[in-house]
Amino acid sequence: MNEKILSHTEPLELAKEIINILYNKKAHNIKLLHVKDQTVITDYFVICTGNSNTQIKALADELDMKTSEKGLPPTAMEGFSEAAWIVMDYASVIVHIFNRESREFYNLEKLWNDSEVVDIEQFIQKEEDTNE
């Protein structure tokens, strides 16, 4: 994984890093929405699903640890104790980690359907990849 310091990272680069951390921790159905034209609060939403409360907390813990190591901890985190929907705020990127039921109920993809859905396949770097 790229070990550069993230503190002055462009929003898309930060989103890519977050996506890879979540992907390598086995998050499901990861989506990247470019919402900059729809809101002033952030540039991107990263949305993913965990299979259980334990996995949802593990995803949030891993993301917090790895981004903090690289100089960019989340400015806020909500929902950790319930672990049905954890929101992590990185200013230019807001991460939503859901359980299946909450993701279906809140349906952020539909709520933000005017936003661009970014294809993340090109960003995924499996941990065993060494071509950096």
C-alpha atoms as a PDB file:
ATOM      1  CA  MET A   1       0.000   0.000   0.000  1.00  0.00           C
ATOM      2  CA  ASN A   2       1.178   3.500  -0.722  1.00  0.00           C
ATOM      3  CA  GLU A   3       2.881   4.927   2.381  1.00  0.00           C
ATOM      4  CA  LYS A   4       2.857   8.598   1.401  1.00  0.00           C
ATOM      5  CA  ILE A   5       1.622  11.181   3.860  1.00  0.00           C
ATOM      6  CA  LEU A   6      -2.009  12.018   3.133  1.00  0.00           C
ATOM      7  CA  SER A   7      -2.272  15.388   4.903  1.00  0.00           C
ATOM      8  CA  HIS A   8      -2.138  17.436   1.679  1.00  0.00           C
ATOM      9  CA  THR A   9      -3.761  14.870  -0.562  1.00  0.00           C
ATOM     10  CA  GLU A  10      -6.264  15.736  -3.258  1.00  0.00           C
ATOM     11  CA  PRO A  11      -9.793  14.490  -2.506  1.00  0.00           C
ATOM     12  CA  LEU A  12      -9.773  11.793  -5.205  1.00  0.00           C
ATOM     13  CA  GLU A  13      -6.390  10.474  -4.052  1.00  0.00           C
ATOM     14  CA  LEU A  14      -7.665  10.305  -0.472  1.00  0.00           C
ATOM     15  CA  ALA A  15     -10.799   8.509  -1.656  1.00  0.00           C
ATOM     16  CA  LYS A  16      -8.651   5.982  -3.556  1.00  0.00           C
ATOM     17  CA  GLU A  17      -6.571   5.314  -0.445  1.00  0.00           C
ATOM     18  CA  ILE A  18      -9.712   4.861   1.677  1.00  0.00           C
ATOM     19  CA  ILE A  19     -11.245   2.510  -0.894  1.00  0.00           C
ATOM     20  CA  ASN A  20      -8.130   0.338  -0.897  1.00  0.00           C
ATOM     21  CA  ILE A  21      -8.024   0.142   2.893  1.00  0.00           C
ATOM     22  CA  LEU A  22     -11.682  -0.897   2.986  1.00  0.00           C
ATOM     23  CA  TYR A  23     -11.295  -3.328   0.073  1.00  0.00           C
ATOM     24  CA  ASN A  24      -8.322  -5.078   1.673  1.00  0.00           C
ATOM     25  CA  LYS A  25     -10.278  -5.377   4.945  1.00  0.00           C
ATOM     26  CA  LYS A  26     -13.066  -7.171   3.002  1.00  0.00           C
ATOM     27  CA  ALA A  27     -15.710  -4.418   2.842  1.00  0.00           C
ATOM     28  CA  HIS A  28     -18.538  -5.252   0.454  1.00  0.00           C
ATOM     29  CA  ASN A  29     -20.246  -3.288  -2.314  1.00  0.00           C
ATOM     30  CA  ILE A  30     -17.907  -0.287  -2.149  1.00  0.00           C
ATOM     31  CA  LYS A  31     -19.203   2.748  -4.036  1.00  0.00           C
ATOM     32  CA  LEU A  32     -17.620   6.132  -4.681  1.00  0.00           C
ATOM     33  CA  LEU A  33     -19.968   9.056  -5.292  1.00  0.00           C
ATOM     34  CA  HIS A  34     -18.657  12.396  -6.525  1.00  0.00           C
ATOM     35  CA  VAL A  35     -21.038  14.798  -4.726  1.00  0.00           C
ATOM     36  CA  LYS A  36     -19.113  18.062  -5.021  1.00  0.00           C
ATOM     37  CA  ASP A  37     -21.691  19.598  -7.382  1.00  0.00           C
ATOM     38  CA  GLN A  38     -24.577  18.650  -5.064  1.00  0.00           C
ATOM     39  CA  THR A  39     -23.234  19.807  -1.678  1.00  0.00           C
ATOM     40  CA  VAL A  40     -20.659  22.079  -0.070  1.00  0.00           C
ATOM     41  CA  ILE A  41     -19.914  19.657   2.775  1.00  0.00           C
ATOM     42  CA  THR A  42     -17.596  17.297   0.875  1.00  0.00           C
ATOM     43  CA  ASP A  43     -16.305  16.195  -2.519  1.00  0.00           C
ATOM     44  CA  TYR A  44     -16.826  12.422  -2.252  1.00  0.00           C
ATOM     45  CA  PHE A  45     -18.832   9.828  -0.373  1.00  0.00           C
ATOM     46  CA  VAL A  46     -17.339   6.376   0.036  1.00  0.00           C
ATOM     47  CA  ILE A  47     -20.102   3.898   0.880  1.00  0.00           C
ATOM     48  CA  CYS A  48     -19.592   0.263   1.835  1.00  0.00           C
ATOM     49  CA  THR A  49     -21.194  -2.609   3.708  1.00  0.00           C
ATOM     50  CA  GLY A  50     -19.959  -4.911   6.446  1.00  0.00           C
ATOM     51  CA  ASN A  51     -21.401  -8.352   7.229  1.00  0.00           C
ATOM     52  CA  SER A  52     -21.666  -7.888  10.994  1.00  0.00           C
ATOM     53  CA  ASN A  53     -21.281  -5.271  13.713  1.00  0.00           C
ATOM     54  CA  THR A  54     -17.867  -6.742  14.461  1.00  0.00           C
ATOM     55  CA  GLN A  55     -16.730  -6.350  10.853  1.00  0.00           C
ATOM     56  CA  ILE A  56     -18.190  -2.839  10.623  1.00  0.00           C
ATOM     57  CA  LYS A  57     -16.203  -1.788  13.699  1.00  0.00           C
ATOM     58  CA  ALA A  58     -13.093  -3.521  12.325  1.00  0.00           C
ATOM     59  CA  LEU A  59     -13.448  -1.605   9.035  1.00  0.00           C
ATOM     60  CA  ALA A  60     -13.719   1.701  10.898  1.00  0.00           C
ATOM     61  CA  ASP A  61     -10.805   0.830  13.212  1.00  0.00           C
ATOM     62  CA  GLU A  62      -8.575  -0.157  10.287  1.00  0.00           C
ATOM     63  CA  LEU A  63      -9.456   2.968   8.339  1.00  0.00           C
ATOM     64  CA  ASP A  64      -8.834   5.179  11.371  1.00  0.00           C
ATOM     65  CA  MET A  65      -5.498   3.490  12.142  1.00  0.00           C
ATOM     66  CA  LYS A  66      -4.126   3.491   8.589  1.00  0.00           C
ATOM     67  CA  THR A  67      -5.147   7.049   7.720  1.00  0.00           C
ATOM     68  CA  SER A  68      -3.884   8.317  11.084  1.00  0.00           C
ATOM     69  CA  GLU A  69      -0.512   6.631  10.454  1.00  0.00           C
ATOM     70  CA  LYS A  70      -0.349   8.573   7.189  1.00  0.00           C
ATOM     71  CA  GLY A  71      -1.098  11.925   8.789  1.00  0.00           C
ATOM     72  CA  LEU A  72      -4.825  12.242   8.180  1.00  0.00           C
ATOM     73  CA  PRO A  73      -7.052  10.949  10.947  1.00  0.00           C
ATOM     74  CA  PRO A  74     -10.803  11.463  10.587  1.00  0.00           C
ATOM     75  CA  THR A  75     -12.009  14.761  12.028  1.00  0.00           C
ATOM     76  CA  ALA A  76     -15.098  13.019  13.396  1.00  0.00           C
ATOM     77  CA  MET A  77     -16.580   9.547  13.707  1.00  0.00           C
ATOM     78  CA  GLU A  78     -20.203   8.772  14.592  1.00  0.00           C
ATOM     79  CA  GLY A  79     -22.127   5.557  15.146  1.00  0.00           C
ATOM     80  CA  PHE A  80     -19.263   3.364  16.364  1.00  0.00           C
ATOM     81  CA  SER A  81     -21.041   2.014  19.451  1.00  0.00           C
ATOM     82  CA  GLU A  82     -24.125   0.868  17.497  1.00  0.00           C
ATOM     83  CA  ALA A  83     -22.120  -0.205  14.405  1.00  0.00           C
ATOM     84  CA  ALA A  84     -25.168  -0.190  12.117  1.00  0.00           C
ATOM     85  CA  TRP A  85     -23.937   2.918  10.273  1.00  0.00           C
ATOM     86  CA  ILE A  86     -20.552   4.443  11.032  1.00  0.00           C
ATOM     87  CA  VAL A  87     -19.766   7.812   9.470  1.00  0.00           C
ATOM     88  CA  MET A  88     -16.141   8.977   9.278  1.00  0.00           C
ATOM     89  CA  ASP A  89     -15.436  12.555   8.210  1.00  0.00           C
ATOM     90  CA  TYR A  90     -12.215  13.317   6.344  1.00  0.00           C
ATOM     91  CA  ALA A  91     -13.471  16.759   5.195  1.00  0.00           C
ATOM     92  CA  SER A  92     -13.158  16.209   1.433  1.00  0.00           C
ATOM     93  CA  VAL A  93     -14.268  12.569   1.771  1.00  0.00           C
ATOM     94  CA  ILE A  94     -17.018  11.234   4.019  1.00  0.00           C
ATOM     95  CA  VAL A  95     -17.067   7.485   4.599  1.00  0.00           C
ATOM     96  CA  HIS A  96     -20.293   5.585   5.330  1.00  0.00           C
ATOM     97  CA  ILE A  97     -19.884   2.025   6.642  1.00  0.00           C
ATOM     98  CA  PHE A  98     -23.257   0.273   6.855  1.00  0.00           C
ATOM     99  CA  ASN A  99     -24.759  -3.020   7.804  1.00  0.00           C
ATOM    100  CA  ARG A 100     -26.996  -4.402   5.030  1.00  0.00           C
ATOM    101  CA  GLU A 101     -30.294  -3.377   6.602  1.00  0.00           C
ATOM    102  CA  SER A 102     -29.244   0.226   7.265  1.00  0.00           C
ATOM    103  CA  ARG A 103     -27.739   0.603   3.812  1.00  0.00           C
ATOM    104  CA  GLU A 104     -30.955  -0.575   2.181  1.00  0.00           C
ATOM    105  CA  PHE A 105     -33.097   1.607   4.455  1.00  0.00           C
ATOM    106  CA  TYR A 106     -31.148   4.862   4.021  1.00  0.00           C
ATOM    107  CA  ASN A 107     -30.238   4.156   0.363  1.00  0.00           C
ATOM    108  CA  LEU A 108     -27.715   6.984   0.001  1.00  0.00           C
ATOM    109  CA  GLU A 109     -27.072   6.044  -3.605  1.00  0.00           C
ATOM    110  CA  LYS A 110     -30.705   6.892  -4.438  1.00  0.00           C
ATOM    111  CA  LEU A 111     -30.740   9.973  -2.214  1.00  0.00           C
ATOM    112  CA  TRP A 112     -27.646  11.293  -4.032  1.00  0.00           C
ATOM    113  CA  ASN A 113     -28.668   9.943  -7.454  1.00  0.00           C
ATOM    114  CA  ASP A 114     -27.677  13.226  -9.150  1.00  0.00           C
ATOM    115  CA  SER A 115     -24.058  12.561  -8.218  1.00  0.00           C
ATOM    116  CA  GLU A 116     -21.513  10.810 -10.408  1.00  0.00           C
ATOM    117  CA  VAL A 117     -20.823   7.181  -9.495  1.00  0.00           C
ATOM    118  CA  VAL A 118     -17.077   6.736 -10.014  1.00  0.00           C
ATOM    119  CA  ASP A 119     -15.813   3.368 -11.263  1.00  0.00           C
ATOM    120  CA  ILE A 120     -13.460   2.172  -8.522  1.00  0.00           C
ATOM    121  CA  GLU A 121     -12.152  -0.966 -10.241  1.00  0.00           C
ATOM    122  CA  GLN A 122      -9.220   1.010 -11.640  1.00  0.00           C
ATOM    123  CA  PHE A 123      -8.241   2.126  -8.107  1.00  0.00           C
ATOM    124  CA  ILE A 124      -8.207  -1.259  -6.352  1.00  0.00           C
ATOM    125  CA  GLN A 125      -4.762  -2.458  -5.295  1.00  0.00           C
ATOM    126  CA  LYS A 126      -4.780  -5.787  -3.531  1.00  0.00           C
ATOM    127  CA  GLU A 127      -2.337  -5.959  -0.616  1.00  0.00           C
ATOM    128  CA  GLU A 128      -0.323  -8.632  -2.380  1.00  0.00           C
ATOM    129  CA  ASP A 129       0.179  -6.319  -5.394  1.00  0.00           C
ATOM    130  CA  THR A 130       3.785  -5.144  -5.486  1.00  0.00           C
ATOM    131  CA  ASN A 131       3.817  -3.119  -8.681  1.00  0.00           C
ATOM    132  CA  GLU A 132       4.075   0.317  -7.049  1.00  0.00           C
END
